[in-house]
Amino acid sequence: MRKTIFSIALISAVALMSCEKDETEKNIDEPIENFESLESFFESQEVESVTKTFNAEEGFEFKTEKGTVVKIPANAFTDKNGKIVSGEVDFKIKEVFSTSDIIFSEIFPISNGNPLNSGGEFFTEAFQGGAALDLADGKDIELEIPAQAEDPNMELFFAGEEEFMDSVDWGDPMDTVLVWEDEPNNQGWENEPWGNGFYSGFTFQDASGTYSINIDQLGWGNIDAFLWVDYFDITFTCTGLEGLNENNLTVYSIFKDQNTVWPCGEGWGSISDNVIHETHLADVPMNVLAIAVVDEQLYYGILDVTPEEGIDYDIVMKTTTSEKLEELINDLP
């Protein structure tokens, strides 16, 4: 009898330890995340920049973890008074390459309201003692960027000097068009006049799969090809989750086999409660991704579709973590 009681006690203890172990492993595998808002979630996912410090009189060359090679010549920078700077300077580059990079940076490949296929977006900046610097006349920075998309019609675009912008329209390709200071495509450049000395060309290196670029201005750049598609109105409804609205829900169309993300419900559409109406969506294969934060919980919904006019589509929302969501986004075709 005592052996039986001992055996039962032993089994119970082992079972309890096993449950505690399983619970511990579960907590490790599924970390609890809380986000105050959709905005705070996006802030937590912000694309990181790379900053290098070097002697301006010597120049510098380095390679980022994402594979971009940066070559900066000696005596390449001037202060706001046009004086060549010496001593240590800080150079920053942000690479917006992947689908998740585009979504979380909110720097979308769009030109004059049309989607672009992005070979790679990037931001460059230089400063000394916290003061922004310019590139000196006759000095170019060379970038070798791993091609995120290959297209014989790729062109080089620029979109302004500020790292954080509410929205970007890349306008016309700057290596083929002269844009002057007072024209609509000027999105923040201070130097004048545009066109004179503002030529920044690039070539595709087929053997290495990289774009070689020479830039003579700092700020946002993008290698793109235009996508010519047909547009129409469409409606998506997010289901399975209450409390959705324009403040806690955002939706993106991710074109298949293109490095292209289109923000739905913004500019050419609207979000009302859980309904997304888009008037400028293309009839191409895509994944439509919804992201929401409700009651501090992160949700997503995904729809694999080639949209057709006159059909309303449902997107089922599910809970997720930031890590799983990023993996899902970057695994999309």
C-alpha atoms as a PDB file:
ATOM      1  CA  MET A   1       0.000   0.000   0.000  1.00  0.00           C
ATOM      2  CA  ARG A   2       2.818   2.387   0.984  1.00  0.00           C
ATOM      3  CA  LYS A   3       4.583   1.506  -2.294  1.00  0.00           C
ATOM      4  CA  THR A   4       1.429   2.383  -4.188  1.00  0.00           C
ATOM      5  CA  ILE A   5       1.118   5.752  -2.417  1.00  0.00           C
ATOM      6  CA  PHE A   6       4.809   6.457  -3.053  1.00  0.00           C
ATOM      7  CA  SER A   7       4.412   5.580  -6.738  1.00  0.00           C
ATOM      8  CA  ILE A   8       1.404   7.859  -7.090  1.00  0.00           C
ATOM      9  CA  ALA A   9       3.267  10.698  -5.365  1.00  0.00           C
ATOM     10  CA  LEU A  10       6.301  10.175  -7.575  1.00  0.00           C
ATOM     11  CA  ILE A  11       4.195  10.178 -10.739  1.00  0.00           C
ATOM     12  CA  SER A  12       2.405  13.345  -9.590  1.00  0.00           C
ATOM     13  CA  ALA A  13       5.695  15.108  -8.881  1.00  0.00           C
ATOM     14  CA  VAL A  14       7.124  14.152 -12.255  1.00  0.00           C
ATOM     15  CA  ALA A  15       3.931  15.277 -13.980  1.00  0.00           C
ATOM     16  CA  LEU A  16       4.016  18.601 -12.108  1.00  0.00           C
ATOM     17  CA  MET A  17       7.668  19.169 -13.035  1.00  0.00           C
ATOM     18  CA  SER A  18       6.860  18.296 -16.621  1.00  0.00           C
ATOM     19  CA  CYS A  19       3.980  20.781 -16.703  1.00  0.00           C
ATOM     20  CA  GLU A  20       6.175  23.500 -15.199  1.00  0.00           C
ATOM     21  CA  LYS A  21       8.860  22.737 -17.788  1.00  0.00           C
ATOM     22  CA  ASP A  22       6.327  22.808 -20.628  1.00  0.00           C
ATOM     23  CA  GLU A  23       4.951  26.119 -19.356  1.00  0.00           C
ATOM     24  CA  THR A  24       8.472  27.580 -19.138  1.00  0.00           C
ATOM     25  CA  GLU A  25       9.309  26.421 -22.664  1.00  0.00           C
ATOM     26  CA  LYS A  26       6.006  27.811 -23.907  1.00  0.00           C
ATOM     27  CA  ASN A  27       6.793  31.197 -22.387  1.00  0.00           C
ATOM     28  CA  ILE A  28      10.225  31.142 -24.011  1.00  0.00           C
ATOM     29  CA  ASP A  29       8.861  30.162 -27.421  1.00  0.00           C
ATOM     30  CA  GLU A  30       5.943  32.595 -27.324  1.00  0.00           C
ATOM     31  CA  PRO A  31       7.073  35.875 -25.752  1.00  0.00           C
ATOM     32  CA  ILE A  32       4.301  38.182 -24.669  1.00  0.00           C
ATOM     33  CA  GLU A  33       4.294  41.496 -26.534  1.00  0.00           C
ATOM     34  CA  ASN A  34       2.238  44.547 -25.755  1.00  0.00           C
ATOM     35  CA  PHE A  35       1.986  47.590 -27.980  1.00  0.00           C
ATOM     36  CA  GLU A  36       0.263  50.756 -26.867  1.00  0.00           C
ATOM     37  CA  SER A  37      -0.788  51.516 -30.425  1.00  0.00           C
ATOM     38  CA  LEU A  38      -0.169  50.694 -34.067  1.00  0.00           C
ATOM     39  CA  GLU A  39       2.215  53.640 -34.168  1.00  0.00           C
ATOM     40  CA  SER A  40       4.272  52.257 -31.268  1.00  0.00           C
ATOM     41  CA  PHE A  41       4.505  48.890 -33.046  1.00  0.00           C
ATOM     42  CA  PHE A  42       5.869  50.567 -36.176  1.00  0.00           C
ATOM     43  CA  GLU A  43       8.344  52.547 -34.082  1.00  0.00           C
ATOM     44  CA  SER A  44       9.626  49.282 -32.606  1.00  0.00           C
ATOM     45  CA  GLN A  45      10.211  47.943 -36.126  1.00  0.00           C
ATOM     46  CA  GLU A  46      12.003  50.998 -37.525  1.00  0.00           C
ATOM     47  CA  VAL A  47      14.702  50.127 -40.068  1.00  0.00           C
ATOM     48  CA  GLU A  48      18.124  50.674 -38.507  1.00  0.00           C
ATOM     49  CA  SER A  49      20.782  52.883 -40.052  1.00  0.00           C
ATOM     50  CA  VAL A  50      24.524  52.246 -40.202  1.00  0.00           C
ATOM     51  CA  THR A  51      26.808  55.076 -39.049  1.00  0.00           C
ATOM     52  CA  LYS A  52      30.570  55.129 -39.634  1.00  0.00           C
ATOM     53  CA  THR A  53      33.063  57.654 -38.257  1.00  0.00           C
ATOM     54  CA  PHE A  54      36.258  58.449 -40.184  1.00  0.00           C
ATOM     55  CA  ASN A  55      38.739  61.190 -41.049  1.00  0.00           C
ATOM     56  CA  ALA A  56      37.293  63.400 -43.784  1.00  0.00           C
ATOM     57  CA  GLU A  57      40.746  64.212 -45.158  1.00  0.00           C
ATOM     58  CA  GLU A  58      41.451  60.539 -45.831  1.00  0.00           C
ATOM     59  CA  GLY A  59      38.151  59.248 -47.196  1.00  0.00           C
ATOM     60  CA  PHE A  60      36.682  55.883 -46.287  1.00  0.00           C
ATOM     61  CA  GLU A  61      35.364  52.596 -47.701  1.00  0.00           C
ATOM     62  CA  PHE A  62      33.161  50.050 -45.915  1.00  0.00           C
ATOM     63  CA  LYS A  63      30.594  47.294 -46.482  1.00  0.00           C
ATOM     64  CA  THR A  64      27.312  47.027 -44.576  1.00  0.00           C
ATOM     65  CA  GLU A  65      25.769  43.825 -43.236  1.00  0.00           C
ATOM     66  CA  LYS A  66      23.138  44.070 -45.989  1.00  0.00           C
ATOM     67  CA  GLY A  67      25.879  44.038 -48.605  1.00  0.00           C
ATOM     68  CA  THR A  68      26.170  47.675 -49.726  1.00  0.00           C
ATOM     69  CA  VAL A  69      29.712  48.868 -50.456  1.00  0.00           C
ATOM     70  CA  VAL A  70      30.246  52.594 -49.786  1.00  0.00           C
ATOM     71  CA  LYS A  71      33.272  54.451 -51.198  1.00  0.00           C
ATOM     72  CA  ILE A  72      33.807  58.026 -49.977  1.00  0.00           C
ATOM     73  CA  PRO A  73      36.659  60.078 -51.465  1.00  0.00           C
ATOM     74  CA  ALA A  74      38.980  62.308 -49.429  1.00  0.00           C
ATOM     75  CA  ASN A  75      37.862  65.872 -48.666  1.00  0.00           C
ATOM     76  CA  ALA A  76      34.343  65.077 -49.837  1.00  0.00           C
ATOM     77  CA  PHE A  77      32.281  67.225 -47.463  1.00  0.00           C
ATOM     78  CA  THR A  78      31.618  70.894 -46.846  1.00  0.00           C
ATOM     79  CA  ASP A  79      29.829  72.704 -44.048  1.00  0.00           C
ATOM     80  CA  LYS A  80      26.803  74.936 -44.649  1.00  0.00           C
ATOM     81  CA  ASN A  81      29.155  77.802 -45.507  1.00  0.00           C
ATOM     82  CA  GLY A  82      30.758  75.792 -48.299  1.00  0.00           C
ATOM     83  CA  LYS A  83      34.054  75.242 -46.446  1.00  0.00           C
ATOM     84  CA  ILE A  84      35.787  71.865 -46.836  1.00  0.00           C
ATOM     85  CA  VAL A  85      35.694  70.128 -43.445  1.00  0.00           C
ATOM     86  CA  SER A  86      38.584  68.287 -41.818  1.00  0.00           C
ATOM     87  CA  GLY A  87      38.770  65.906 -38.881  1.00  0.00           C
ATOM     88  CA  GLU A  88      36.237  63.261 -37.918  1.00  0.00           C
ATOM     89  CA  VAL A  89      32.877  63.103 -39.666  1.00  0.00           C
ATOM     90  CA  ASP A  90      29.959  60.715 -39.266  1.00  0.00           C
ATOM     91  CA  PHE A  91      28.385  59.133 -42.345  1.00  0.00           C
ATOM     92  CA  LYS A  92      24.985  57.435 -42.157  1.00  0.00           C
ATOM     93  CA  ILE A  93      23.335  55.057 -44.593  1.00  0.00           C
ATOM     94  CA  LYS A  94      19.903  53.429 -44.270  1.00  0.00           C
ATOM     95  CA  GLU A  95      19.099  50.545 -46.635  1.00  0.00           C
ATOM     96  CA  VAL A  96      15.435  49.869 -47.419  1.00  0.00           C
ATOM     97  CA  PHE A  97      15.656  46.633 -49.354  1.00  0.00           C
ATOM     98  CA  SER A  98      13.181  43.970 -48.233  1.00  0.00           C
ATOM     99  CA  THR A  99       9.390  44.065 -48.232  1.00  0.00           C
ATOM    100  CA  SER A 100       9.376  44.481 -44.452  1.00  0.00           C
ATOM    101  CA  ASP A 101      11.909  47.333 -44.762  1.00  0.00           C
ATOM    102  CA  ILE A 102       9.573  49.159 -47.142  1.00  0.00           C
ATOM    103  CA  ILE A 103       6.516  48.617 -44.939  1.00  0.00           C
ATOM    104  CA  PHE A 104       8.130  49.570 -41.629  1.00  0.00           C
ATOM    105  CA  SER A 105      10.026  52.564 -43.020  1.00  0.00           C
ATOM    106  CA  GLU A 106       6.847  53.662 -44.859  1.00  0.00           C
ATOM    107  CA  ILE A 107       9.018  54.780 -47.781  1.00  0.00           C
ATOM    108  CA  PHE A 108       7.017  53.283 -50.637  1.00  0.00           C
ATOM    109  CA  PRO A 109       8.124  52.914 -54.272  1.00  0.00           C
ATOM    110  CA  ILE A 110       5.583  55.263 -55.859  1.00  0.00           C
ATOM    111  CA  SER A 111       6.106  57.810 -58.650  1.00  0.00           C
ATOM    112  CA  ASN A 112       3.394  60.325 -59.531  1.00  0.00           C
ATOM    113  CA  GLY A 113       0.783  57.931 -58.177  1.00  0.00           C
ATOM    114  CA  ASN A 114       2.147  54.877 -59.988  1.00  0.00           C
ATOM    115  CA  PRO A 115       3.841  51.813 -58.426  1.00  0.00           C
ATOM    116  CA  LEU A 116       7.539  51.209 -58.983  1.00  0.00           C
ATOM    117  CA  ASN A 117       9.586  48.020 -58.854  1.00  0.00           C
ATOM    118  CA  SER A 118      12.378  48.886 -56.436  1.00  0.00           C
ATOM    119  CA  GLY A 119      15.927  47.690 -56.960  1.00  0.00           C
ATOM    120  CA  GLY A 120      16.824  49.236 -53.601  1.00  0.00           C
ATOM    121  CA  GLU A 121      15.975  52.365 -51.609  1.00  0.00           C
ATOM    122  CA  PHE A 122      18.632  54.128 -49.551  1.00  0.00           C
ATOM    123  CA  PHE A 123      19.201  57.212 -47.410  1.00  0.00           C
ATOM    124  CA  THR A 124      22.584  58.915 -46.910  1.00  0.00           C
ATOM    125  CA  GLU A 125      23.625  61.693 -44.566  1.00  0.00           C
ATOM    126  CA  ALA A 126      26.868  63.161 -43.216  1.00  0.00           C
ATOM    127  CA  PHE A 127      27.435  65.375 -40.188  1.00  0.00           C
ATOM    128  CA  GLN A 128      30.144  66.748 -37.926  1.00  0.00           C
ATOM    129  CA  GLY A 129      29.452  67.714 -34.342  1.00  0.00           C
ATOM    130  CA  GLY A 130      25.743  67.261 -35.012  1.00  0.00           C
ATOM    131  CA  ALA A 131      25.731  69.699 -37.955  1.00  0.00           C
ATOM    132  CA  ALA A 132      24.667  68.391 -41.367  1.00  0.00           C
ATOM    133  CA  LEU A 133      27.240  68.422 -44.168  1.00  0.00           C
ATOM    134  CA  ASP A 134      26.981  68.635 -47.965  1.00  0.00           C
ATOM    135  CA  LEU A 135      29.005  66.951 -50.657  1.00  0.00           C
ATOM    136  CA  ALA A 136      31.689  69.200 -52.096  1.00  0.00           C
ATOM    137  CA  ASP A 137      31.532  70.255 -55.736  1.00  0.00           C
ATOM    138  CA  GLY A 138      33.063  67.624 -57.969  1.00  0.00           C
ATOM    139  CA  LYS A 139      32.904  64.917 -55.295  1.00  0.00           C
ATOM    140  CA  ASP A 140      30.780  61.787 -55.737  1.00  0.00           C
ATOM    141  CA  ILE A 141      30.081  58.934 -53.350  1.00  0.00           C
ATOM    142  CA  GLU A 142      30.067  55.510 -54.980  1.00  0.00           C
ATOM    143  CA  LEU A 143      27.554  52.914 -53.813  1.00  0.00           C
ATOM    144  CA  GLU A 144      27.420  49.283 -54.874  1.00  0.00           C
ATOM    145  CA  ILE A 145      23.966  48.064 -53.852  1.00  0.00           C
ATOM    146  CA  PRO A 146      22.817  44.422 -54.044  1.00  0.00           C
ATOM    147  CA  ALA A 147      20.029  44.371 -56.633  1.00  0.00           C
ATOM    148  CA  GLN A 148      16.674  43.760 -54.938  1.00  0.00           C
ATOM    149  CA  ALA A 149      14.994  43.559 -58.355  1.00  0.00           C
ATOM    150  CA  GLU A 150      16.386  43.381 -61.867  1.00  0.00           C
ATOM    151  CA  ASP A 151      14.797  45.197 -64.775  1.00  0.00           C
ATOM    152  CA  PRO A 152      16.399  46.645 -67.929  1.00  0.00           C
ATOM    153  CA  ASN A 153      14.322  49.804 -67.443  1.00  0.00           C
ATOM    154  CA  MET A 154      15.686  50.695 -64.000  1.00  0.00           C
ATOM    155  CA  GLU A 155      16.288  54.398 -63.375  1.00  0.00           C
ATOM    156  CA  LEU A 156      17.598  56.441 -60.457  1.00  0.00           C
ATOM    157  CA  PHE A 157      15.235  58.581 -58.346  1.00  0.00           C
ATOM    158  CA  PHE A 158      15.742  61.061 -55.508  1.00  0.00           C
ATOM    159  CA  ALA A 159      13.139  62.253 -53.002  1.00  0.00           C
ATOM    160  CA  GLY A 160      14.506  64.702 -50.433  1.00  0.00           C
ATOM    161  CA  GLU A 161      17.044  65.266 -47.671  1.00  0.00           C
ATOM    162  CA  GLU A 162      14.980  64.391 -44.574  1.00  0.00           C
ATOM    163  CA  GLU A 163      15.297  60.859 -43.166  1.00  0.00           C
ATOM    164  CA  PHE A 164      11.793  60.695 -41.710  1.00  0.00           C
ATOM    165  CA  MET A 165       8.958  61.844 -43.985  1.00  0.00           C
ATOM    166  CA  ASP A 166       5.216  61.289 -43.673  1.00  0.00           C
ATOM    167  CA  SER A 167       4.966  60.256 -47.318  1.00  0.00           C
ATOM    168  CA  VAL A 168       7.169  60.086 -50.385  1.00  0.00           C
ATOM    169  CA  ASP A 169       6.358  60.372 -54.050  1.00  0.00           C
ATOM    170  CA  TRP A 170       9.572  59.782 -55.957  1.00  0.00           C
ATOM    171  CA  GLY A 171       8.506  61.968 -58.866  1.00  0.00           C
ATOM    172  CA  ASP A 172      10.495  61.666 -62.082  1.00  0.00           C
ATOM    173  CA  PRO A 173      13.842  59.874 -62.416  1.00  0.00           C
ATOM    174  CA  MET A 174      16.479  62.472 -61.629  1.00  0.00           C
ATOM    175  CA  ASP A 175      19.162  61.181 -63.967  1.00  0.00           C
ATOM    176  CA  THR A 176      16.995  61.907 -67.006  1.00  0.00           C
ATOM    177  CA  VAL A 177      14.979  64.978 -65.980  1.00  0.00           C
ATOM    178  CA  LEU A 178      16.057  68.472 -64.942  1.00  0.00           C
ATOM    179  CA  VAL A 179      14.016  69.613 -61.939  1.00  0.00           C
ATOM    180  CA  TRP A 180      14.260  73.195 -60.731  1.00  0.00           C
ATOM    181  CA  GLU A 181      13.834  74.519 -57.211  1.00  0.00           C
ATOM    182  CA  ASP A 182      10.230  75.708 -57.537  1.00  0.00           C
ATOM    183  CA  GLU A 183       8.835  72.637 -59.339  1.00  0.00           C
ATOM    184  CA  PRO A 184       6.457  70.120 -57.693  1.00  0.00           C
ATOM    185  CA  ASN A 185       9.001  67.288 -57.823  1.00  0.00           C
ATOM    186  CA  ASN A 186      11.248  69.218 -55.444  1.00  0.00           C
ATOM    187  CA  GLN A 187      10.540  67.464 -52.142  1.00  0.00           C
ATOM    188  CA  GLY A 188      12.966  69.263 -49.866  1.00  0.00           C
ATOM    189  CA  TRP A 189      16.280  69.753 -51.647  1.00  0.00           C
ATOM    190  CA  GLU A 190      17.849  73.080 -50.687  1.00  0.00           C
ATOM    191  CA  ASN A 191      20.583  73.355 -53.313  1.00  0.00           C
ATOM    192  CA  GLU A 192      19.878  75.316 -56.502  1.00  0.00           C
ATOM    193  CA  PRO A 193      19.476  75.149 -59.358  1.00  0.00           C
ATOM    194  CA  TRP A 194      18.586  71.528 -59.851  1.00  0.00           C
ATOM    195  CA  GLY A 195      19.810  69.950 -63.049  1.00  0.00           C
ATOM    196  CA  ASN A 196      23.096  71.873 -63.090  1.00  0.00           C
ATOM    197  CA  GLY A 197      25.507  69.405 -61.505  1.00  0.00           C
ATOM    198  CA  PHE A 198      22.679  67.170 -60.311  1.00  0.00           C
ATOM    199  CA  TYR A 199      23.494  64.199 -62.477  1.00  0.00           C
ATOM    200  CA  SER A 200      23.802  60.883 -60.674  1.00  0.00           C
ATOM    201  CA  GLY A 201      24.031  57.854 -62.924  1.00  0.00           C
ATOM    202  CA  PHE A 202      24.223  54.149 -62.288  1.00  0.00           C
ATOM    203  CA  THR A 203      24.957  50.859 -64.019  1.00  0.00           C
ATOM    204  CA  PHE A 204      23.947  47.283 -63.296  1.00  0.00           C
ATOM    205  CA  GLN A 205      26.855  44.892 -62.739  1.00  0.00           C
ATOM    206  CA  ASP A 206      25.449  41.596 -64.008  1.00  0.00           C
ATOM    207  CA  ALA A 207      28.311  39.423 -62.736  1.00  0.00           C
ATOM    208  CA  SER A 208      27.963  40.540 -59.115  1.00  0.00           C
ATOM    209  CA  GLY A 209      24.219  41.296 -59.171  1.00  0.00           C
ATOM    210  CA  THR A 210      24.764  44.849 -57.916  1.00  0.00           C
ATOM    211  CA  TYR A 211      23.901  48.388 -58.967  1.00  0.00           C
ATOM    212  CA  SER A 212      26.893  50.737 -59.096  1.00  0.00           C
ATOM    213  CA  ILE A 213      25.823  54.298 -58.353  1.00  0.00           C
ATOM    214  CA  ASN A 214      27.615  57.635 -58.206  1.00  0.00           C
ATOM    215  CA  ILE A 215      25.691  60.247 -56.234  1.00  0.00           C
ATOM    216  CA  ASP A 216      26.505  63.921 -55.876  1.00  0.00           C
ATOM    217  CA  GLN A 217      23.713  64.672 -53.379  1.00  0.00           C
ATOM    218  CA  LEU A 218      22.877  63.202 -49.983  1.00  0.00           C
ATOM    219  CA  GLY A 219      19.374  62.121 -48.962  1.00  0.00           C
ATOM    220  CA  TRP A 220      16.864  59.559 -50.208  1.00  0.00           C
ATOM    221  CA  GLY A 221      17.640  57.620 -53.382  1.00  0.00           C
ATOM    222  CA  ASN A 222      15.886  54.753 -55.110  1.00  0.00           C
ATOM    223  CA  ILE A 223      16.619  52.523 -58.106  1.00  0.00           C
ATOM    224  CA  ASP A 224      13.304  51.762 -59.817  1.00  0.00           C
ATOM    225  CA  ALA A 225      11.489  50.649 -62.917  1.00  0.00           C
ATOM    226  CA  PHE A 226       7.944  51.756 -63.725  1.00  0.00           C
ATOM    227  CA  LEU A 227       5.164  49.155 -63.561  1.00  0.00           C
ATOM    228  CA  TRP A 228       2.410  49.733 -66.086  1.00  0.00           C
ATOM    229  CA  VAL A 229      -0.814  48.264 -64.695  1.00  0.00           C
ATOM    230  CA  ASP A 230      -4.585  48.799 -64.928  1.00  0.00           C
ATOM    231  CA  TYR A 231      -6.385  50.332 -61.944  1.00  0.00           C
ATOM    232  CA  PHE A 232      -9.881  49.930 -60.517  1.00  0.00           C
ATOM    233  CA  ASP A 233     -11.880  50.301 -57.277  1.00  0.00           C
ATOM    234  CA  ILE A 234     -11.884  47.499 -54.725  1.00  0.00           C
ATOM    235  CA  THR A 235     -13.060  46.833 -51.170  1.00  0.00           C
ATOM    236  CA  PHE A 236     -11.500  44.668 -48.457  1.00  0.00           C
ATOM    237  CA  THR A 237     -13.223  43.831 -45.160  1.00  0.00           C
ATOM    238  CA  CYS A 238     -11.195  42.674 -42.140  1.00  0.00           C
ATOM    239  CA  THR A 239     -13.141  40.029 -40.208  1.00  0.00           C
ATOM    240  CA  GLY A 240     -12.720  38.173 -36.915  1.00  0.00           C
ATOM    241  CA  LEU A 241     -11.682  41.227 -34.884  1.00  0.00           C
ATOM    242  CA  GLU A 242     -13.795  43.995 -33.362  1.00  0.00           C
ATOM    243  CA  GLY A 243     -12.766  47.571 -32.704  1.00  0.00           C
ATOM    244  CA  LEU A 244     -10.884  48.222 -35.947  1.00  0.00           C
ATOM    245  CA  ASN A 245     -10.582  51.749 -37.329  1.00  0.00           C
ATOM    246  CA  GLU A 246      -8.287  53.989 -39.369  1.00  0.00           C
ATOM    247  CA  ASN A 247      -6.052  54.605 -36.329  1.00  0.00           C
ATOM    248  CA  ASN A 248      -5.265  50.995 -35.464  1.00  0.00           C
ATOM    249  CA  LEU A 249      -5.440  49.291 -38.872  1.00  0.00           C
ATOM    250  CA  THR A 250      -3.226  49.548 -41.948  1.00  0.00           C
ATOM    251  CA  VAL A 251      -3.261  47.513 -45.173  1.00  0.00           C
ATOM    252  CA  TYR A 252      -0.696  46.916 -47.925  1.00  0.00           C
ATOM    253  CA  SER A 253      -0.715  45.276 -51.346  1.00  0.00           C
ATOM    254  CA  ILE A 254       2.535  43.383 -51.921  1.00  0.00           C
ATOM    255  CA  PHE A 255       2.951  42.609 -55.625  1.00  0.00           C
ATOM    256  CA  LYS A 256       4.169  39.095 -56.348  1.00  0.00           C
ATOM    257  CA  ASP A 257       7.605  38.695 -57.944  1.00  0.00           C
ATOM    258  CA  GLN A 258       8.172  42.461 -57.714  1.00  0.00           C
ATOM    259  CA  ASN A 259       9.781  44.520 -54.964  1.00  0.00           C
ATOM    260  CA  THR A 260       6.648  46.635 -54.736  1.00  0.00           C
ATOM    261  CA  VAL A 261       4.383  47.638 -51.847  1.00  0.00           C
ATOM    262  CA  TRP A 262       1.252  49.734 -52.292  1.00  0.00           C
ATOM    263  CA  PRO A 263      -0.367  51.321 -49.171  1.00  0.00           C
ATOM    264  CA  CYS A 264      -4.119  50.713 -49.395  1.00  0.00           C
ATOM    265  CA  GLY A 265      -6.622  53.216 -48.031  1.00  0.00           C
ATOM    266  CA  GLU A 266      -4.140  56.096 -48.160  1.00  0.00           C
ATOM    267  CA  GLY A 267      -4.277  58.916 -50.673  1.00  0.00           C
ATOM    268  CA  TRP A 268      -6.389  57.029 -53.219  1.00  0.00           C
ATOM    269  CA  GLY A 269      -8.687  55.311 -50.733  1.00  0.00           C
ATOM    270  CA  SER A 270      -9.966  55.226 -47.173  1.00  0.00           C
ATOM    271  CA  ILE A 271     -10.353  53.055 -44.069  1.00  0.00           C
ATOM    272  CA  SER A 272     -13.661  53.134 -42.228  1.00  0.00           C
ATOM    273  CA  ASP A 273     -13.924  50.809 -39.223  1.00  0.00           C
ATOM    274  CA  ASN A 274     -12.910  47.411 -40.662  1.00  0.00           C
ATOM    275  CA  VAL A 275     -13.550  48.279 -44.321  1.00  0.00           C
ATOM    276  CA  ILE A 276     -10.770  49.353 -46.670  1.00  0.00           C
ATOM    277  CA  HIS A 277     -11.782  51.040 -49.902  1.00  0.00           C
ATOM    278  CA  GLU A 278      -9.059  51.506 -52.520  1.00  0.00           C
ATOM    279  CA  THR A 279      -9.582  53.302 -55.827  1.00  0.00           C
ATOM    280  CA  HIS A 280      -6.125  52.759 -57.267  1.00  0.00           C
ATOM    281  CA  LEU A 281      -5.357  49.041 -57.058  1.00  0.00           C
ATOM    282  CA  ALA A 282      -3.868  46.987 -59.859  1.00  0.00           C
ATOM    283  CA  ASP A 283      -5.135  43.760 -61.449  1.00  0.00           C
ATOM    284  CA  VAL A 284      -1.935  41.783 -60.758  1.00  0.00           C
ATOM    285  CA  PRO A 285      -1.133  38.814 -58.466  1.00  0.00           C
ATOM    286  CA  MET A 286      -0.502  40.095 -54.953  1.00  0.00           C
ATOM    287  CA  ASN A 287      -0.695  39.409 -51.246  1.00  0.00           C
ATOM    288  CA  VAL A 288      -2.855  41.884 -49.354  1.00  0.00           C
ATOM    289  CA  LEU A 289      -1.545  42.273 -45.798  1.00  0.00           C
ATOM    290  CA  ALA A 290      -3.500  43.855 -42.941  1.00  0.00           C
ATOM    291  CA  ILE A 291      -1.738  44.841 -39.689  1.00  0.00           C
ATOM    292  CA  ALA A 292      -3.575  46.017 -36.573  1.00  0.00           C
ATOM    293  CA  VAL A 293      -3.051  46.629 -32.873  1.00  0.00           C
ATOM    294  CA  VAL A 294      -6.174  46.283 -30.723  1.00  0.00           C
ATOM    295  CA  ASP A 295      -6.078  46.223 -26.905  1.00  0.00           C
ATOM    296  CA  GLU A 296      -2.263  46.133 -27.078  1.00  0.00           C
ATOM    297  CA  GLN A 297      -2.309  42.880 -29.117  1.00  0.00           C
ATOM    298  CA  LEU A 298      -0.733  42.617 -32.574  1.00  0.00           C
ATOM    299  CA  TYR A 299      -2.909  41.122 -35.333  1.00  0.00           C
ATOM    300  CA  TYR A 300      -2.441  40.367 -39.005  1.00  0.00           C
ATOM    301  CA  GLY A 301      -4.432  39.076 -41.951  1.00  0.00           C
ATOM    302  CA  ILE A 302      -3.167  37.910 -45.334  1.00  0.00           C
ATOM    303  CA  LEU A 303      -5.007  37.406 -48.621  1.00  0.00           C
ATOM    304  CA  ASP A 304      -3.427  35.796 -51.688  1.00  0.00           C
ATOM    305  CA  VAL A 305      -5.368  37.216 -54.628  1.00  0.00           C
ATOM    306  CA  THR A 306      -5.394  38.644 -58.119  1.00  0.00           C
ATOM    307  CA  PRO A 307      -8.095  41.292 -57.572  1.00  0.00           C
ATOM    308  CA  GLU A 308     -11.080  41.522 -59.861  1.00  0.00           C
ATOM    309  CA  GLU A 309     -13.282  44.544 -60.266  1.00  0.00           C
ATOM    310  CA  GLY A 310     -16.698  44.349 -58.599  1.00  0.00           C
ATOM    311  CA  ILE A 311     -15.708  41.733 -56.006  1.00  0.00           C
ATOM    312  CA  ASP A 312     -15.443  42.511 -52.268  1.00  0.00           C
ATOM    313  CA  TYR A 313     -12.812  40.471 -50.394  1.00  0.00           C
ATOM    314  CA  ASP A 314     -12.568  39.396 -46.735  1.00  0.00           C
ATOM    315  CA  ILE A 315      -9.313  39.335 -44.778  1.00  0.00           C
ATOM    316  CA  VAL A 316      -9.406  37.176 -41.635  1.00  0.00           C
ATOM    317  CA  MET A 317      -7.438  38.692 -38.741  1.00  0.00           C
ATOM    318  CA  LYS A 318      -5.309  36.564 -36.378  1.00  0.00           C
ATOM    319  CA  THR A 319      -2.962  37.204 -33.462  1.00  0.00           C
ATOM    320  CA  THR A 320       0.781  37.150 -34.090  1.00  0.00           C
ATOM    321  CA  THR A 321       4.151  38.380 -32.789  1.00  0.00           C
ATOM    322  CA  SER A 322       6.425  40.967 -34.379  1.00  0.00           C
ATOM    323  CA  GLU A 323       9.050  38.311 -35.151  1.00  0.00           C
ATOM    324  CA  LYS A 324       6.575  35.979 -36.834  1.00  0.00           C
ATOM    325  CA  LEU A 325       5.033  38.852 -38.781  1.00  0.00           C
ATOM    326  CA  GLU A 326       8.390  39.982 -40.172  1.00  0.00           C
ATOM    327  CA  GLU A 327       9.229  36.405 -41.194  1.00  0.00           C
ATOM    328  CA  LEU A 328       5.850  36.063 -42.902  1.00  0.00           C
ATOM    329  CA  ILE A 329       6.298  39.318 -44.808  1.00  0.00           C
ATOM    330  CA  ASN A 330       9.775  38.497 -46.077  1.00  0.00           C
ATOM    331  CA  ASP A 331       8.743  34.966 -47.093  1.00  0.00           C
ATOM    332  CA  LEU A 332       6.031  36.262 -49.423  1.00  0.00           C
ATOM    333  CA  PRO A 333       6.726  35.672 -53.128  1.00  0.00           C
END
